[in-house]
PDB file of N, CA and C in Angstrom:
ATOM      1  N   UNK A   1       0.852  -1.176   0.000  1.00  0.00           N
ATOM      2  CA  UNK A   1       0.000   0.000   0.000  1.00  0.00           C
ATOM      3  C   UNK A   1       0.899   1.241   0.000  1.00  0.00           C
ATOM      4  N   UNK A   2       0.868   2.024  -1.045  1.00  0.00           N
ATOM      5  CA  UNK A   2       1.649   3.257  -1.138  1.00  0.00           C
ATOM      6  C   UNK A   2       0.780   4.420  -0.668  1.00  0.00           C
ATOM      7  N   UNK A   3       1.063   4.916   0.547  1.00  0.00           N
ATOM      8  CA  UNK A   3       0.253   6.019   1.082  1.00  0.00           C
ATOM      9  C   UNK A   3       1.082   7.288   1.194  1.00  0.00           C
ATOM     10  N   UNK A   4       1.989   7.452   0.258  1.00  0.00           N
ATOM     11  CA  UNK A   4       2.878   8.610   0.321  1.00  0.00           C
ATOM     12  C   UNK A   4       2.274   9.859  -0.297  1.00  0.00           C
ATOM     13  N   UNK A   5       1.056   9.763  -0.808  1.00  0.00           N
ATOM     14  CA  UNK A   5       0.462  10.959  -1.410  1.00  0.00           C
ATOM     15  C   UNK A   5      -1.044  11.003  -1.171  1.00  0.00           C
ATOM     16  N   UNK A   6      -1.541  12.193  -1.287  1.00  0.00           N
ATOM     17  CA  UNK A   6      -2.975  12.422  -1.109  1.00  0.00           C
ATOM     18  C   UNK A   6      -3.642  12.521  -2.469  1.00  0.00           C
ATOM     19  N   UNK A   7      -4.880  12.252  -2.636  1.00  0.00           N
ATOM     20  CA  UNK A   7      -5.810  11.832  -1.593  1.00  0.00           C
ATOM     21  C   UNK A   7      -5.663  10.344  -1.283  1.00  0.00           C
ATOM     22  N   UNK A   8      -5.896  10.013  -0.027  1.00  0.00           N
ATOM     23  CA  UNK A   8      -5.876   8.620   0.394  1.00  0.00           C
ATOM     24  C   UNK A   8      -7.136   7.919  -0.092  1.00  0.00           C
ATOM     25  N   UNK A   9      -7.012   6.633  -0.362  1.00  0.00           N
ATOM     26  CA  UNK A   9      -8.184   5.833  -0.733  1.00  0.00           C
ATOM     27  C   UNK A   9      -8.893   5.371   0.534  1.00  0.00           C
ATOM     28  N   UNK A  10     -10.145   4.981   0.401  1.00  0.00           N
ATOM     29  CA  UNK A  10     -10.941   4.557   1.561  1.00  0.00           C
ATOM     30  C   UNK A  10     -10.269   3.425   2.332  1.00  0.00           C
ATOM     31  N   UNK A  11      -9.682   2.486   1.619  1.00  0.00           N
ATOM     32  CA  UNK A  11      -8.993   1.363   2.254  1.00  0.00           C
ATOM     33  C   UNK A  11      -7.808   1.859   3.094  1.00  0.00           C
ATOM     34  N   UNK A  12      -7.070   2.832   2.569  1.00  0.00           N
ATOM     35  CA  UNK A  12      -5.935   3.401   3.302  1.00  0.00           C
ATOM     36  C   UNK A  12      -6.411   4.164   4.532  1.00  0.00           C
ATOM     37  N   UNK A  13      -7.468   4.933   4.369  1.00  0.00           N
ATOM     38  CA  UNK A  13      -8.017   5.699   5.486  1.00  0.00           C
ATOM     39  C   UNK A  13      -8.432   4.759   6.613  1.00  0.00           C
ATOM     40  N   UNK A  14      -9.129   3.695   6.273  1.00  0.00           N
ATOM     41  CA  UNK A  14      -9.584   2.730   7.277  1.00  0.00           C
ATOM     42  C   UNK A  14      -8.401   2.078   7.988  1.00  0.00           C
ATOM     43  N   UNK A  15      -7.373   1.708   7.236  1.00  0.00           N
ATOM     44  CA  UNK A  15      -6.201   1.053   7.825  1.00  0.00           C
ATOM     45  C   UNK A  15      -5.460   2.007   8.765  1.00  0.00           C
ATOM     46  N   UNK A  16      -5.268   3.243   8.342  1.00  0.00           N
ATOM     47  CA  UNK A  16      -4.561   4.213   9.176  1.00  0.00           C
ATOM     48  C   UNK A  16      -5.366   4.511  10.435  1.00  0.00           C
ATOM     49  N   UNK A  17      -6.664   4.720  10.284  1.00  0.00           N
ATOM     50  CA  UNK A  17      -7.508   4.986  11.452  1.00  0.00           C
ATOM     51  C   UNK A  17      -7.430   3.856  12.471  1.00  0.00           C
ATOM     52  N   UNK A  18      -7.460   2.628  12.000  1.00  0.00           N
ATOM     53  CA  UNK A  18      -7.400   1.481  12.906  1.00  0.00           C
ATOM     54  C   UNK A  18      -6.089   1.453  13.693  1.00  0.00           C
ATOM     55  N   UNK A  19      -4.994   1.716  13.016  1.00  0.00           N
ATOM     56  CA  UNK A  19      -3.691   1.695  13.682  1.00  0.00           C
ATOM     57  C   UNK A  19      -3.556   2.879  14.635  1.00  0.00           C
ATOM     58  N   UNK A  20      -4.027   4.048  14.224  1.00  0.00           N
ATOM     59  CA  UNK A  20      -3.973   5.235  15.086  1.00  0.00           C
ATOM     60  C   UNK A  20      -4.783   4.989  16.361  1.00  0.00           C
ATOM     61  N   UNK A  21      -5.979   4.453  16.215  1.00  0.00           N
ATOM     62  CA  UNK A  21      -6.822   4.186  17.385  1.00  0.00           C
ATOM     63  C   UNK A  21      -6.194   3.135  18.304  1.00  0.00           C
ATOM     64  N   UNK A  22      -5.548   2.144  17.732  1.00  0.00           N
ATOM     65  CA  UNK A  22      -4.914   1.094  18.523  1.00  0.00           C
ATOM     66  C   UNK A  22      -3.672   1.592  19.270  1.00  0.00           C
ATOM     67  N   UNK A  23      -3.142   2.733  18.854  1.00  0.00           N
ATOM     68  CA  UNK A  23      -1.924   3.276  19.468  1.00  0.00           C
ATOM     69  C   UNK A  23      -2.162   4.645  20.090  1.00  0.00           C
ATOM     70  N   UNK A  24      -3.342   4.850  20.653  1.00  0.00           N
ATOM     71  CA  UNK A  24      -3.707   6.144  21.219  1.00  0.00           C
ATOM     72  C   UNK A  24      -2.725   6.606  22.299  1.00  0.00           C
ATOM     73  N   UNK A  25      -2.238   5.689  23.114  1.00  0.00           N
ATOM     74  CA  UNK A  25      -1.297   6.064  24.179  1.00  0.00           C
ATOM     75  C   UNK A  25       0.003   6.617  23.597  1.00  0.00           C
ATOM     76  N   UNK A  26       0.463   6.034  22.516  1.00  0.00           N
ATOM     77  CA  UNK A  26       1.687   6.526  21.872  1.00  0.00           C
ATOM     78  C   UNK A  26       1.491   7.943  21.351  1.00  0.00           C
ATOM     79  N   UNK A  27       0.320   8.196  20.771  1.00  0.00           N
ATOM     80  CA  UNK A  27       0.058   9.529  20.245  1.00  0.00           C
ATOM     81  C   UNK A  27      -0.092  10.561  21.352  1.00  0.00           C
ATOM     82  N   UNK A  28      -0.601  10.161  22.503  1.00  0.00           N
ATOM     83  CA  UNK A  28      -0.688  11.092  23.630  1.00  0.00           C
ATOM     84  C   UNK A  28       0.715  11.533  24.032  1.00  0.00           C
ATOM     85  N   UNK A  29       1.653  10.591  24.061  1.00  0.00           N
ATOM     86  CA  UNK A  29       3.039  10.928  24.412  1.00  0.00           C
ATOM     87  C   UNK A  29       3.688  11.785  23.327  1.00  0.00           C
ATOM     88  N   UNK A  30       3.441  11.468  22.053  1.00  0.00           N
ATOM     89  CA  UNK A  30       3.997  12.255  20.947  1.00  0.00           C
ATOM     90  C   UNK A  30       3.444  13.677  20.982  1.00  0.00           C
ATOM     91  N   UNK A  31       2.140  13.815  21.165  1.00  0.00           N
ATOM     92  CA  UNK A  31       1.526  15.139  21.206  1.00  0.00           C
ATOM     93  C   UNK A  31       2.068  15.958  22.371  1.00  0.00           C
ATOM     94  N   UNK A  32       2.290  15.321  23.511  1.00  0.00           N
ATOM     95  CA  UNK A  32       2.874  16.012  24.661  1.00  0.00           C
ATOM     96  C   UNK A  32       4.301  16.461  24.354  1.00  0.00           C
ATOM     97  N   UNK A  33       5.072  15.590  23.729  1.00  0.00           N
ATOM     98  CA  UNK A  33       6.458  15.927  23.384  1.00  0.00           C
ATOM     99  C   UNK A  33       6.524  17.085  22.399  1.00  0.00           C
ATOM    100  N   UNK A  34       5.554  17.184  21.507  1.00  0.00           N
ATOM    101  CA  UNK A  34       5.563  18.254  20.504  1.00  0.00           C
ATOM    102  C   UNK A  34       5.358  19.633  21.124  1.00  0.00           C
ATOM    103  N   UNK A  35       4.873  19.708  22.358  1.00  0.00           N
ATOM    104  CA  UNK A  35       4.669  20.999  23.007  1.00  0.00           C
ATOM    105  C   UNK A  35       5.929  21.500  23.709  1.00  0.00           C
ATOM    106  N   UNK A  36       6.930  20.688  23.780  1.00  0.00           N
ATOM    107  CA  UNK A  36       8.164  21.049  24.494  1.00  0.00           C
ATOM    108  C   UNK A  36       9.052  21.933  23.612  1.00  0.00           C
ATOM    109  N   UNK A  37       9.850  22.767  24.268  1.00  0.00           N
ATOM    110  CA  UNK A  37      10.706  23.696  23.538  1.00  0.00           C
ATOM    111  C   UNK A  37      12.007  23.058  23.057  1.00  0.00           C
ATOM    112  N   UNK A  38      12.419  21.995  23.698  1.00  0.00           N
ATOM    113  CA  UNK A  38      13.669  21.366  23.309  1.00  0.00           C
ATOM    114  C   UNK A  38      13.763  19.955  23.849  1.00  0.00           C
ATOM    115  N   UNK A  39      14.808  19.260  23.418  1.00  0.00           N
ATOM    116  CA  UNK A  39      15.006  17.879  23.822  1.00  0.00           C
ATOM    117  C   UNK A  39      16.484  17.667  24.084  1.00  0.00           C
ATOM    118  N   UNK A  40      16.786  16.940  25.142  1.00  0.00           N
ATOM    119  CA  UNK A  40      18.160  16.540  25.400  1.00  0.00           C
ATOM    120  C   UNK A  40      18.237  15.031  25.230  1.00  0.00           C
ATOM    121  N   UNK A  41      18.734  14.615  24.087  1.00  0.00           N
ATOM    122  CA  UNK A  41      18.804  13.190  23.790  1.00  0.00           C
ATOM    123  C   UNK A  41      19.986  12.530  24.481  1.00  0.00           C
ATOM    124  N   UNK A  42      20.821  13.317  25.127  1.00  0.00           N
ATOM    125  CA  UNK A  42      22.016  12.830  25.821  1.00  0.00           C
ATOM    126  C   UNK A  42      22.921  12.036  24.883  1.00  0.00           C
ATOM    127  N   UNK A  43      23.070  12.570  23.674  1.00  0.00           N
ATOM    128  CA  UNK A  43      23.963  11.989  22.680  1.00  0.00           C
ATOM    129  C   UNK A  43      25.129  12.953  22.506  1.00  0.00           C
ATOM    130  N   UNK A  44      26.325  12.441  22.674  1.00  0.00           N
ATOM    131  CA  UNK A  44      27.522  13.263  22.491  1.00  0.00           C
ATOM    132  C   UNK A  44      27.938  13.165  21.027  1.00  0.00           C
ATOM    133  N   UNK A  45      27.834  14.298  20.324  1.00  0.00           N
ATOM    134  CA  UNK A  45      28.188  14.329  18.908  1.00  0.00           C
ATOM    135  C   UNK A  45      29.652  14.723  18.789  1.00  0.00           C
ATOM    136  N   UNK A  46      30.412  13.888  18.103  1.00  0.00           N
ATOM    137  CA  UNK A  46      31.827  14.176  17.878  1.00  0.00           C
ATOM    138  C   UNK A  46      32.173  13.851  16.439  1.00  0.00           C
ATOM    139  N   UNK A  47      33.276  14.360  16.000  1.00  0.00           N
ATOM    140  CA  UNK A  47      33.701  14.182  14.619  1.00  0.00           C
ATOM    141  C   UNK A  47      34.382  12.826  14.446  1.00  0.00           C
ATOM    142  N   UNK A  48      34.128  12.148  13.393  1.00  0.00           N
ATOM    143  CA  UNK A  48      33.130  12.394  12.365  1.00  0.00           C
ATOM    144  C   UNK A  48      31.734  12.002  12.871  1.00  0.00           C
ATOM    145  N   UNK A  49      30.780  12.863  12.632  1.00  0.00           N
ATOM    146  CA  UNK A  49      29.428  12.688  13.155  1.00  0.00           C
ATOM    147  C   UNK A  49      28.767  11.399  12.673  1.00  0.00           C
ATOM    148  N   UNK A  50      29.179  10.925  11.515  1.00  0.00           N
ATOM    149  CA  UNK A  50      28.565   9.705  10.982  1.00  0.00           C
ATOM    150  C   UNK A  50      28.871   8.491  11.858  1.00  0.00           C
ATOM    151  N   UNK A  51      29.895   8.573  12.676  1.00  0.00           N
ATOM    152  CA  UNK A  51      30.254   7.441  13.525  1.00  0.00           C
ATOM    153  C   UNK A  51      29.552   7.469  14.879  1.00  0.00           C
ATOM    154  N   UNK A  52      28.738   8.485  15.134  1.00  0.00           N
ATOM    155  CA  UNK A  52      28.008   8.575  16.404  1.00  0.00           C
ATOM    156  C   UNK A  52      26.904   7.521  16.409  1.00  0.00           C
ATOM    157  N   UNK A  53      26.873   6.723  17.447  1.00  0.00           N
ATOM    158  CA  UNK A  53      25.880   5.660  17.543  1.00  0.00           C
ATOM    159  C   UNK A  53      24.558   6.203  18.075  1.00  0.00           C
ATOM    160  N   UNK A  54      23.486   5.833  17.418  1.00  0.00           N
ATOM    161  CA  UNK A  54      22.134   6.207  17.835  1.00  0.00           C
ATOM    162  C   UNK A  54      21.360   4.908  18.056  1.00  0.00           C
ATOM    163  N   UNK A  55      21.548   4.267  19.221  1.00  0.00           N
ATOM    164  CA  UNK A  55      21.014   2.928  19.436  1.00  0.00           C
ATOM    165  C   UNK A  55      19.489   2.838  19.410  1.00  0.00           C
ATOM    166  N   UNK A  56      18.786   3.912  19.720  1.00  0.00           N
ATOM    167  CA  UNK A  56      17.330   3.867  19.764  1.00  0.00           C
ATOM    168  C   UNK A  56      16.673   4.177  18.425  1.00  0.00           C
ATOM    169  N   UNK A  57      17.456   4.564  17.447  1.00  0.00           N
ATOM    170  CA  UNK A  57      16.898   5.005  16.178  1.00  0.00           C
ATOM    171  C   UNK A  57      16.060   3.922  15.496  1.00  0.00           C
ATOM    172  N   UNK A  58      16.523   2.709  15.516  1.00  0.00           N
ATOM    173  CA  UNK A  58      15.785   1.617  14.892  1.00  0.00           C
ATOM    174  C   UNK A  58      14.415   1.409  15.519  1.00  0.00           C
ATOM    175  N   UNK A  59      14.329   1.532  16.833  1.00  0.00           N
ATOM    176  CA  UNK A  59      13.060   1.356  17.528  1.00  0.00           C
ATOM    177  C   UNK A  59      12.129   2.543  17.313  1.00  0.00           C
ATOM    178  N   UNK A  60      12.684   3.708  17.036  1.00  0.00           N
ATOM    179  CA  UNK A  60      11.876   4.913  16.851  1.00  0.00           C
ATOM    180  C   UNK A  60      11.321   5.034  15.426  1.00  0.00           C
ATOM    181  N   UNK A  61      11.892   4.330  14.479  1.00  0.00           N
ATOM    182  CA  UNK A  61      11.468   4.428  13.086  1.00  0.00           C
ATOM    183  C   UNK A  61       9.990   4.063  12.889  1.00  0.00           C
ATOM    184  N   UNK A  62       9.489   2.963  13.472  1.00  0.00           N
ATOM    185  CA  UNK A  62       8.059   2.657  13.305  1.00  0.00           C
ATOM    186  C   UNK A  62       7.150   3.746  13.881  1.00  0.00           C
ATOM    187  N   UNK A  63       7.554   4.351  14.995  1.00  0.00           N
ATOM    188  CA  UNK A  63       6.764   5.442  15.561  1.00  0.00           C
ATOM    189  C   UNK A  63       6.756   6.637  14.609  1.00  0.00           C
ATOM    190  N   UNK A  64       7.887   6.931  14.005  1.00  0.00           N
ATOM    191  CA  UNK A  64       7.960   8.022  13.037  1.00  0.00           C
ATOM    192  C   UNK A  64       7.048   7.784  11.844  1.00  0.00           C
ATOM    193  N   UNK A  65       7.019   6.553  11.365  1.00  0.00           N
ATOM    194  CA  UNK A  65       6.125   6.223  10.243  1.00  0.00           C
ATOM    195  C   UNK A  65       4.662   6.359  10.645  1.00  0.00           C
ATOM    196  N   UNK A  66       4.360   5.918  11.862  1.00  0.00           N
ATOM    197  CA  UNK A  66       2.994   6.021  12.365  1.00  0.00           C
ATOM    198  C   UNK A  66       2.556   7.478  12.468  1.00  0.00           C
ATOM    199  N   UNK A  67       3.432   8.330  12.967  1.00  0.00           N
ATOM    200  CA  UNK A  67       3.135   9.764  13.074  1.00  0.00           C
ATOM    201  C   UNK A  67       2.955  10.368  11.676  1.00  0.00           C
ATOM    202  N   UNK A  68       3.784   9.956  10.722  1.00  0.00           N
ATOM    203  CA  UNK A  68       3.660  10.463   9.352  1.00  0.00           C
ATOM    204  C   UNK A  68       2.336  10.043   8.727  1.00  0.00           C
ATOM    205  N   UNK A  69       1.911   8.825   8.958  1.00  0.00           N
ATOM    206  CA  UNK A  69       0.639   8.351   8.423  1.00  0.00           C
ATOM    207  C   UNK A  69      -0.539   9.098   9.045  1.00  0.00           C
ATOM    208  N   UNK A  70      -0.460   9.353  10.349  1.00  0.00           N
ATOM    209  CA  UNK A  70      -1.519  10.127  10.989  1.00  0.00           C
ATOM    210  C   UNK A  70      -1.561  11.546  10.418  1.00  0.00           C
ATOM    211  N   UNK A  71      -0.396  12.112  10.120  1.00  0.00           N
ATOM    212  CA  UNK A  71      -0.342  13.446   9.532  1.00  0.00           C
ATOM    213  C   UNK A  71      -1.027  13.466   8.158  1.00  0.00           C
ATOM    214  N   UNK A  72      -0.805  12.424   7.354  1.00  0.00           N
ATOM    215  CA  UNK A  72      -1.491  12.343   6.054  1.00  0.00           C
ATOM    216  C   UNK A  72      -3.003  12.259   6.233  1.00  0.00           C
ATOM    217  N   UNK A  73      -3.422  11.452   7.192  1.00  0.00           N
ATOM    218  CA  UNK A  73      -4.857  11.322   7.471  1.00  0.00           C
ATOM    219  C   UNK A  73      -5.440  12.667   7.899  1.00  0.00           C
ATOM    220  N   UNK A  74      -4.742  13.369   8.779  1.00  0.00           N
ATOM    221  CA  UNK A  74      -5.215  14.683   9.237  1.00  0.00           C
ATOM    222  C   UNK A  74      -5.209  15.715   8.099  1.00  0.00           C
ATOM    223  N   UNK A  75      -4.201  15.632   7.238  1.00  0.00           N
ATOM    224  CA  UNK A  75      -4.141  16.569   6.107  1.00  0.00           C
ATOM    225  C   UNK A  75      -5.316  16.358   5.163  1.00  0.00           C
ATOM    226  N   UNK A  76      -5.647  15.110   4.932  1.00  0.00           N
ATOM    227  CA  UNK A  76      -6.771  14.830   4.049  1.00  0.00           C
ATOM    228  C   UNK A  76      -8.078  15.309   4.676  1.00  0.00           C
ATOM    229  N   UNK A  77      -8.174  15.206   6.003  1.00  0.00           N
ATOM    230  CA  UNK A  77      -9.403  15.627   6.690  1.00  0.00           C
ATOM    231  C   UNK A  77      -9.522  17.159   6.760  1.00  0.00           C
ATOM    232  N   UNK A  78      -8.420  17.826   6.478  1.00  0.00           N
ATOM    233  CA  UNK A  78      -8.447  19.286   6.456  1.00  0.00           C
ATOM    234  C   UNK A  78      -7.953  19.877   7.720  1.00  0.00           C
TER     235      UNK A  78
END
């Protein structure tokens, strides 16, 4: 299912809504985090920056996709 563009099809809308509703607690935390002015990830960035390890990044990727899908759903709803 390619949901990278609008307008979403009914099947896509239903699938996204189901996942968003099933993860309401995650969205409450994301929405709360979005109100903050800054974040301290406690990551020490040093040169070369590409060698800095971000161990939580893999676990955060599905949440990022979920937030992006909810954003598409909200954009379509106006």
